[in-house]
C-alpha atoms as a PDB file:
ATOM      1  CA  UNK A   1      -3.117  -3.317 -34.951  1.00  0.00           C
ATOM      2  CA  UNK A   2       0.116  -3.631 -36.898  1.00  0.00           C
ATOM      3  CA  UNK A   3       3.340  -4.968 -35.285  1.00  0.00           C
ATOM      4  CA  UNK A   4       5.251  -1.551 -35.898  1.00  0.00           C
ATOM      5  CA  UNK A   5       2.230   0.481 -34.739  1.00  0.00           C
ATOM      6  CA  UNK A   6       2.610  -1.639 -31.630  1.00  0.00           C
ATOM      7  CA  UNK A   7       6.251  -1.217 -30.884  1.00  0.00           C
ATOM      8  CA  UNK A   8       5.622   2.721 -31.293  1.00  0.00           C
ATOM      9  CA  UNK A   9       2.555   2.942 -29.381  1.00  0.00           C
ATOM     10  CA  UNK A  10       4.940   1.488 -26.347  1.00  0.00           C
ATOM     11  CA  UNK A  11       7.553   3.197 -27.140  1.00  0.00           C
ATOM     12  CA  UNK A  12       5.158   6.362 -26.600  1.00  0.00           C
ATOM     13  CA  UNK A  13       3.905   5.442 -23.327  1.00  0.00           C
ATOM     14  CA  UNK A  14       7.692   5.109 -22.420  1.00  0.00           C
ATOM     15  CA  UNK A  15       8.765   8.031 -23.343  1.00  0.00           C
ATOM     16  CA  UNK A  16       5.476  10.081 -21.743  1.00  0.00           C
ATOM     17  CA  UNK A  17       4.642  11.129 -24.990  1.00  0.00           C
ATOM     18  CA  UNK A  18       0.930   9.850 -24.392  1.00  0.00           C
ATOM     19  CA  UNK A  19      -1.106   9.672 -20.853  1.00  0.00           C
ATOM     20  CA  UNK A  20      -1.394  12.294 -17.705  1.00  0.00           C
ATOM     21  CA  UNK A  21      -1.881  12.240 -14.316  1.00  0.00           C
ATOM     22  CA  UNK A  22      -5.094  12.896 -13.179  1.00  0.00           C
ATOM     23  CA  UNK A  23      -6.459  16.336 -14.039  1.00  0.00           C
ATOM     24  CA  UNK A  24      -8.804  17.025 -10.887  1.00  0.00           C
ATOM     25  CA  UNK A  25      -8.980  15.968  -7.499  1.00  0.00           C
ATOM     26  CA  UNK A  26     -10.381  12.743  -7.094  1.00  0.00           C
ATOM     27  CA  UNK A  27     -11.038   9.595  -5.027  1.00  0.00           C
ATOM     28  CA  UNK A  28      -8.959   6.368  -6.167  1.00  0.00           C
ATOM     29  CA  UNK A  29      -9.396   2.422  -4.961  1.00  0.00           C
ATOM     30  CA  UNK A  30      -6.409   0.841  -5.029  1.00  0.00           C
ATOM     31  CA  UNK A  31      -5.633  -3.466  -4.647  1.00  0.00           C
ATOM     32  CA  UNK A  32      -2.685  -4.916  -4.677  1.00  0.00           C
ATOM     33  CA  UNK A  33      -0.603  -7.647  -3.014  1.00  0.00           C
ATOM     34  CA  UNK A  34       2.473  -6.906  -0.542  1.00  0.00           C
ATOM     35  CA  UNK A  35       4.906  -9.984   0.070  1.00  0.00           C
ATOM     36  CA  UNK A  36       6.722  -8.815   3.006  1.00  0.00           C
ATOM     37  CA  UNK A  37       9.660 -11.391   4.900  1.00  0.00           C
ATOM     38  CA  UNK A  38       8.790 -12.163   8.157  1.00  0.00           C
ATOM     39  CA  UNK A  39      11.424 -13.656  10.663  1.00  0.00           C
ATOM     40  CA  UNK A  40      10.202 -15.072  13.875  1.00  0.00           C
ATOM     41  CA  UNK A  41      11.851 -16.907  17.106  1.00  0.00           C
ATOM     42  CA  UNK A  42      10.711 -19.857  17.658  1.00  0.00           C
ATOM     43  CA  UNK A  43       9.799 -21.928  20.620  1.00  0.00           C
ATOM     44  CA  UNK A  44      12.531 -24.070  19.995  1.00  0.00           C
ATOM     45  CA  UNK A  45      14.799 -21.507  19.932  1.00  0.00           C
ATOM     46  CA  UNK A  46      15.287 -21.850  16.283  1.00  0.00           C
ATOM     47  CA  UNK A  47      14.864 -18.811  14.151  1.00  0.00           C
ATOM     48  CA  UNK A  48      13.084 -18.949  10.648  1.00  0.00           C
ATOM     49  CA  UNK A  49      12.098 -16.566   8.072  1.00  0.00           C
ATOM     50  CA  UNK A  50       8.590 -16.995   5.849  1.00  0.00           C
ATOM     51  CA  UNK A  51       7.710 -14.849   2.784  1.00  0.00           C
ATOM     52  CA  UNK A  52       3.802 -13.979   3.225  1.00  0.00           C
ATOM     53  CA  UNK A  53       1.712 -12.795   0.558  1.00  0.00           C
ATOM     54  CA  UNK A  54      -0.714  -9.589   2.115  1.00  0.00           C
ATOM     55  CA  UNK A  55      -3.650  -8.276   0.133  1.00  0.00           C
ATOM     56  CA  UNK A  56      -4.128  -4.632   0.406  1.00  0.00           C
ATOM     57  CA  UNK A  57      -6.646  -2.195  -0.214  1.00  0.00           C
ATOM     58  CA  UNK A  58      -6.043   1.519  -0.032  1.00  0.00           C
ATOM     59  CA  UNK A  59      -8.139   4.271  -0.537  1.00  0.00           C
ATOM     60  CA  UNK A  60      -6.507   7.448  -1.787  1.00  0.00           C
ATOM     61  CA  UNK A  61      -7.532  11.230  -1.963  1.00  0.00           C
ATOM     62  CA  UNK A  62      -5.417  12.564  -5.035  1.00  0.00           C
ATOM     63  CA  UNK A  63      -4.953  16.594  -5.433  1.00  0.00           C
ATOM     64  CA  UNK A  64      -4.890  18.109  -8.610  1.00  0.00           C
ATOM     65  CA  UNK A  65      -2.261  18.340 -11.316  1.00  0.00           C
ATOM     66  CA  UNK A  66       0.131  20.753 -10.999  1.00  0.00           C
ATOM     67  CA  UNK A  67       3.817  22.102 -12.382  1.00  0.00           C
ATOM     68  CA  UNK A  68       6.225  22.586  -9.861  1.00  0.00           C
ATOM     69  CA  UNK A  69       9.293  25.036  -9.618  1.00  0.00           C
ATOM     70  CA  UNK A  70      11.234  22.478 -11.732  1.00  0.00           C
ATOM     71  CA  UNK A  71       8.982  23.126 -14.405  1.00  0.00           C
ATOM     72  CA  UNK A  72       7.960  18.990 -14.024  1.00  0.00           C
ATOM     73  CA  UNK A  73       4.026  17.649 -13.211  1.00  0.00           C
ATOM     74  CA  UNK A  74       3.431  16.094  -9.938  1.00  0.00           C
ATOM     75  CA  UNK A  75       0.436  15.223  -7.460  1.00  0.00           C
ATOM     76  CA  UNK A  76       0.268  14.832  -3.946  1.00  0.00           C
ATOM     77  CA  UNK A  77      -1.747  12.812  -2.472  1.00  0.00           C
ATOM     78  CA  UNK A  78      -3.375  10.943   0.757  1.00  0.00           C
ATOM     79  CA  UNK A  79      -3.286   7.410   1.934  1.00  0.00           C
ATOM     80  CA  UNK A  80      -7.388   7.990   3.906  1.00  0.00           C
ATOM     81  CA  UNK A  81      -7.058   4.180   4.468  1.00  0.00           C
ATOM     82  CA  UNK A  82      -5.128   0.957   3.905  1.00  0.00           C
ATOM     83  CA  UNK A  83      -5.727  -2.228   5.117  1.00  0.00           C
ATOM     84  CA  UNK A  84      -3.871  -5.517   4.645  1.00  0.00           C
ATOM     85  CA  UNK A  85      -4.357  -9.235   5.574  1.00  0.00           C
ATOM     86  CA  UNK A  86      -2.642 -12.190   5.244  1.00  0.00           C
ATOM     87  CA  UNK A  87      -2.244 -15.589   7.175  1.00  0.00           C
ATOM     88  CA  UNK A  88       0.686 -16.632   8.182  1.00  0.00           C
ATOM     89  CA  UNK A  89       2.587 -20.506   9.122  1.00  0.00           C
ATOM     90  CA  UNK A  90       5.660 -19.392  10.708  1.00  0.00           C
ATOM     91  CA  UNK A  91       3.634 -16.897  13.055  1.00  0.00           C
ATOM     92  CA  UNK A  92       0.776 -19.969  13.700  1.00  0.00           C
ATOM     93  CA  UNK A  93       3.802 -22.144  14.612  1.00  0.00           C
ATOM     94  CA  UNK A  94       4.756 -19.780  16.753  1.00  0.00           C
ATOM     95  CA  UNK A  95       1.593 -18.712  18.499  1.00  0.00           C
ATOM     96  CA  UNK A  96       0.185 -22.772  18.427  1.00  0.00           C
ATOM     97  CA  UNK A  97      -2.419 -21.576  16.522  1.00  0.00           C
ATOM     98  CA  UNK A  98      -3.713 -20.229  12.786  1.00  0.00           C
ATOM     99  CA  UNK A  99      -2.489 -16.455  12.737  1.00  0.00           C
ATOM    100  CA  UNK A 100      -3.522 -13.926  10.933  1.00  0.00           C
ATOM    101  CA  UNK A 101      -0.997 -10.331  10.165  1.00  0.00           C
ATOM    102  CA  UNK A 102      -3.210  -7.233   9.289  1.00  0.00           C
ATOM    103  CA  UNK A 103      -2.157  -3.736   8.774  1.00  0.00           C
ATOM    104  CA  UNK A 104      -4.103  -0.442   9.131  1.00  0.00           C
ATOM    105  CA  UNK A 105      -3.584   3.330   9.175  1.00  0.00           C
ATOM    106  CA  UNK A 106      -2.507   4.853  12.618  1.00  0.00           C
ATOM    107  CA  UNK A 107      -5.292   7.390  13.915  1.00  0.00           C
ATOM    108  CA  UNK A 108      -5.269  10.712  14.670  1.00  0.00           C
ATOM    109  CA  UNK A 109      -3.833  12.406  16.564  1.00  0.00           C
ATOM    110  CA  UNK A 110      -0.682  10.552  14.530  1.00  0.00           C
ATOM    111  CA  UNK A 111      -0.123  13.006  11.200  1.00  0.00           C
ATOM    112  CA  UNK A 112      -0.125  10.588   8.180  1.00  0.00           C
ATOM    113  CA  UNK A 113       2.422  12.079   5.857  1.00  0.00           C
ATOM    114  CA  UNK A 114       1.589  13.318   2.645  1.00  0.00           C
ATOM    115  CA  UNK A 115       2.813  11.136  -0.585  1.00  0.00           C
ATOM    116  CA  UNK A 116       3.616  12.494  -4.163  1.00  0.00           C
ATOM    117  CA  UNK A 117       4.322  11.569  -7.896  1.00  0.00           C
ATOM    118  CA  UNK A 118       5.986  13.474 -10.090  1.00  0.00           C
ATOM    119  CA  UNK A 119       7.185  13.614 -13.969  1.00  0.00           C
ATOM    120  CA  UNK A 120      11.095  12.241 -13.912  1.00  0.00           C
ATOM    121  CA  UNK A 121      11.039  15.114 -17.050  1.00  0.00           C
ATOM    122  CA  UNK A 122       9.800  18.403 -18.451  1.00  0.00           C
ATOM    123  CA  UNK A 123       7.142  18.213 -20.752  1.00  0.00           C
ATOM    124  CA  UNK A 124       5.425  14.991 -20.467  1.00  0.00           C
ATOM    125  CA  UNK A 125       3.406  13.114 -16.997  1.00  0.00           C
ATOM    126  CA  UNK A 126       5.294   9.712 -17.763  1.00  0.00           C
ATOM    127  CA  UNK A 127       7.479   7.857 -17.055  1.00  0.00           C
ATOM    128  CA  UNK A 128       7.363   9.386 -13.571  1.00  0.00           C
ATOM    129  CA  UNK A 129       8.359   8.173  -9.997  1.00  0.00           C
ATOM    130  CA  UNK A 130       5.908   7.525  -7.220  1.00  0.00           C
ATOM    131  CA  UNK A 131       6.528   7.592  -3.453  1.00  0.00           C
ATOM    132  CA  UNK A 132       3.902   6.365  -0.911  1.00  0.00           C
ATOM    133  CA  UNK A 133       4.262   7.197   2.435  1.00  0.00           C
ATOM    134  CA  UNK A 134       2.405   6.114   5.585  1.00  0.00           C
ATOM    135  CA  UNK A 135       2.130   5.640   9.437  1.00  0.00           C
ATOM    136  CA  UNK A 136       0.612   2.175  10.461  1.00  0.00           C
ATOM    137  CA  UNK A 137      -0.134  -0.590  13.118  1.00  0.00           C
ATOM    138  CA  UNK A 138       0.377  -3.929  12.788  1.00  0.00           C
ATOM    139  CA  UNK A 139      -2.169  -6.755  14.890  1.00  0.00           C
ATOM    140  CA  UNK A 140      -1.431 -10.465  14.824  1.00  0.00           C
ATOM    141  CA  UNK A 141      -4.994 -11.803  15.289  1.00  0.00           C
ATOM    142  CA  UNK A 142      -6.506  -9.535  17.723  1.00  0.00           C
ATOM    143  CA  UNK A 143      -3.167  -8.716  18.827  1.00  0.00           C
ATOM    144  CA  UNK A 144      -1.666  -5.154  18.938  1.00  0.00           C
ATOM    145  CA  UNK A 145       2.050  -5.370  17.471  1.00  0.00           C
ATOM    146  CA  UNK A 146       3.507  -1.947  16.611  1.00  0.00           C
ATOM    147  CA  UNK A 147       1.766   1.477  17.016  1.00  0.00           C
ATOM    148  CA  UNK A 148       3.206   4.304  14.866  1.00  0.00           C
ATOM    149  CA  UNK A 149       4.904   2.880  12.297  1.00  0.00           C
ATOM    150  CA  UNK A 150       6.522   4.864   9.475  1.00  0.00           C
ATOM    151  CA  UNK A 151       7.220   3.811   6.412  1.00  0.00           C
ATOM    152  CA  UNK A 152       7.301   4.260   2.670  1.00  0.00           C
ATOM    153  CA  UNK A 153       7.345   2.495  -0.299  1.00  0.00           C
ATOM    154  CA  UNK A 154       8.882   3.857  -3.667  1.00  0.00           C
ATOM    155  CA  UNK A 155       8.356   2.766  -7.639  1.00  0.00           C
ATOM    156  CA  UNK A 156      10.642   4.468 -10.775  1.00  0.00           C
ATOM    157  CA  UNK A 157       9.562   4.463 -13.633  1.00  0.00           C
ATOM    158  CA  UNK A 158       5.795   4.296 -14.080  1.00  0.00           C
ATOM    159  CA  UNK A 159       4.188   4.679 -16.946  1.00  0.00           C
ATOM    160  CA  UNK A 160       0.348   4.664 -14.997  1.00  0.00           C
ATOM    161  CA  UNK A 161      -1.612   5.473 -12.037  1.00  0.00           C
ATOM    162  CA  UNK A 162      -2.040   3.216 -10.399  1.00  0.00           C
ATOM    163  CA  UNK A 163       1.737   1.870 -10.727  1.00  0.00           C
ATOM    164  CA  UNK A 164       0.928  -1.401 -13.606  1.00  0.00           C
ATOM    165  CA  UNK A 165       3.124  -4.552 -14.632  1.00  0.00           C
ATOM    166  CA  UNK A 166       6.084  -3.137 -11.811  1.00  0.00           C
ATOM    167  CA  UNK A 167       7.252  -3.861  -8.460  1.00  0.00           C
ATOM    168  CA  UNK A 168       7.125  -1.335  -5.611  1.00  0.00           C
ATOM    169  CA  UNK A 169       9.816  -1.442  -3.092  1.00  0.00           C
ATOM    170  CA  UNK A 170       8.471  -1.912   0.436  1.00  0.00           C
ATOM    171  CA  UNK A 171      10.050  -0.247   2.928  1.00  0.00           C
ATOM    172  CA  UNK A 172       8.134  -0.655   6.366  1.00  0.00           C
ATOM    173  CA  UNK A 173      10.522  -2.798   8.615  1.00  0.00           C
ATOM    174  CA  UNK A 174       9.581  -3.455  12.086  1.00  0.00           C
ATOM    175  CA  UNK A 175      11.120  -5.044  14.867  1.00  0.00           C
ATOM    176  CA  UNK A 176      10.237  -6.179  18.135  1.00  0.00           C
ATOM    177  CA  UNK A 177      13.466  -8.254  19.989  1.00  0.00           C
ATOM    178  CA  UNK A 178      11.264  -8.690  23.173  1.00  0.00           C
ATOM    179  CA  UNK A 179       8.477 -10.151  20.907  1.00  0.00           C
ATOM    180  CA  UNK A 180      11.195 -12.306  18.342  1.00  0.00           C
ATOM    181  CA  UNK A 181       9.431 -10.678  15.692  1.00  0.00           C
ATOM    182  CA  UNK A 182      10.806  -9.227  12.278  1.00  0.00           C
ATOM    183  CA  UNK A 183       9.712  -7.819   9.513  1.00  0.00           C
ATOM    184  CA  UNK A 184      12.088  -7.037   6.855  1.00  0.00           C
ATOM    185  CA  UNK A 185      11.746  -5.022   3.054  1.00  0.00           C
ATOM    186  CA  UNK A 186       9.441  -6.325   0.742  1.00  0.00           C
ATOM    187  CA  UNK A 187       7.758  -5.561  -2.381  1.00  0.00           C
ATOM    188  CA  UNK A 188       3.867  -4.553  -3.818  1.00  0.00           C
ATOM    189  CA  UNK A 189       2.714  -5.762  -6.651  1.00  0.00           C
ATOM    190  CA  UNK A 190      -0.361  -6.224  -8.542  1.00  0.00           C
ATOM    191  CA  UNK A 191      -1.674  -3.449  -8.300  1.00  0.00           C
ATOM    192  CA  UNK A 192      -5.328  -2.170  -9.901  1.00  0.00           C
ATOM    193  CA  UNK A 193      -8.022   0.104  -9.839  1.00  0.00           C
ATOM    194  CA  UNK A 194     -10.885  -1.273  -8.085  1.00  0.00           C
ATOM    195  CA  UNK A 195     -14.368  -0.605  -7.364  1.00  0.00           C
ATOM    196  CA  UNK A 196     -15.441   0.451  -4.109  1.00  0.00           C
ATOM    197  CA  UNK A 197     -17.447  -2.680  -3.146  1.00  0.00           C
ATOM    198  CA  UNK A 198     -14.275  -4.217  -3.458  1.00  0.00           C
ATOM    199  CA  UNK A 199     -12.396  -1.610  -1.580  1.00  0.00           C
ATOM    200  CA  UNK A 200     -14.831  -1.795   1.362  1.00  0.00           C
ATOM    201  CA  UNK A 201     -14.852  -6.149   1.307  1.00  0.00           C
ATOM    202  CA  UNK A 202     -11.332  -6.219   1.599  1.00  0.00           C
ATOM    203  CA  UNK A 203     -10.889  -3.671   4.111  1.00  0.00           C
ATOM    204  CA  UNK A 204     -13.880  -5.279   6.264  1.00  0.00           C
ATOM    205  CA  UNK A 205     -12.471  -8.639   5.957  1.00  0.00           C
ATOM    206  CA  UNK A 206      -8.679  -7.245   7.875  1.00  0.00           C
ATOM    207  CA  UNK A 207     -11.009  -5.085   9.852  1.00  0.00           C
ATOM    208  CA  UNK A 208     -13.186  -8.447  11.431  1.00  0.00           C
ATOM    209  CA  UNK A 209     -10.159 -10.155  11.749  1.00  0.00           C
ATOM    210  CA  UNK A 210      -8.763  -7.812  14.350  1.00  0.00           C
ATOM    211  CA  UNK A 211     -12.607  -8.184  16.164  1.00  0.00           C
ATOM    212  CA  UNK A 212     -13.439  -4.439  14.277  1.00  0.00           C
ATOM    213  CA  UNK A 213     -16.913  -3.999  13.173  1.00  0.00           C
ATOM    214  CA  UNK A 214     -17.108  -3.240   9.525  1.00  0.00           C
ATOM    215  CA  UNK A 215     -17.820  -0.668   7.904  1.00  0.00           C
ATOM    216  CA  UNK A 216     -20.599   0.316   5.150  1.00  0.00           C
ATOM    217  CA  UNK A 217     -20.047   3.354   3.513  1.00  0.00           C
ATOM    218  CA  UNK A 218     -16.555   3.319   1.456  1.00  0.00           C
ATOM    219  CA  UNK A 219     -16.421   6.971   1.494  1.00  0.00           C
ATOM    220  CA  UNK A 220     -17.021   7.210   4.868  1.00  0.00           C
ATOM    221  CA  UNK A 221     -14.512   7.494   7.888  1.00  0.00           C
ATOM    222  CA  UNK A 222     -12.734   4.036   9.022  1.00  0.00           C
ATOM    223  CA  UNK A 223     -11.532   5.467  12.275  1.00  0.00           C
ATOM    224  CA  UNK A 224     -13.399   7.294  15.453  1.00  0.00           C
ATOM    225  CA  UNK A 225     -14.343   4.560  17.835  1.00  0.00           C
ATOM    226  CA  UNK A 226     -11.771   2.122  16.151  1.00  0.00           C
ATOM    227  CA  UNK A 227     -14.387   1.664  13.364  1.00  0.00           C
ATOM    228  CA  UNK A 228     -16.861   4.665  12.552  1.00  0.00           C
ATOM    229  CA  UNK A 229     -20.027   2.827  11.048  1.00  0.00           C
END
């Protein structure tokens, strides 16, 4: 492809003249990395902050593409499974042993909010804005440290589903003053479509850290008796 063709193609993507949202209902498996600042009060009284990389695995149920009342394309979607895991040197020091942080969606009866993606203009799906919404629990090893925490992740403009080669603002703060621990705003990066097998492998690794049994079906339930198999 000639240089001017590459420039024209890049311009078409940025202006939304090519590409579109998923047309029908579909299941999407996504992998990414979430970088999250963690602040902890240590036993010596000092407070310290560390940026922790958490591997993230999601299963999404995407609704069909529609044209909304503002004459812009959009689709809504549900985050059905969301599992993160990462090792923290700071929390290892705080708790006196190797510490792993995991996130998991809060199960029922908590109702998960819907997420949405919408075009930034009429007549083309991209560029667009995407907003991920979720209620989640946080664990350090097998210890649950928060329940039903709500948060969002936002990115604009995006030119693909999932958003690629962009940083997604990760706004899921948490603070426990009694425990001396807080999570600040971070970012999500490296988002990509993954296979059901890759998703299942990553999600089960997070579950095993919490002492939960593995799930065998990537399309099945991840709740029930903590681990529906």
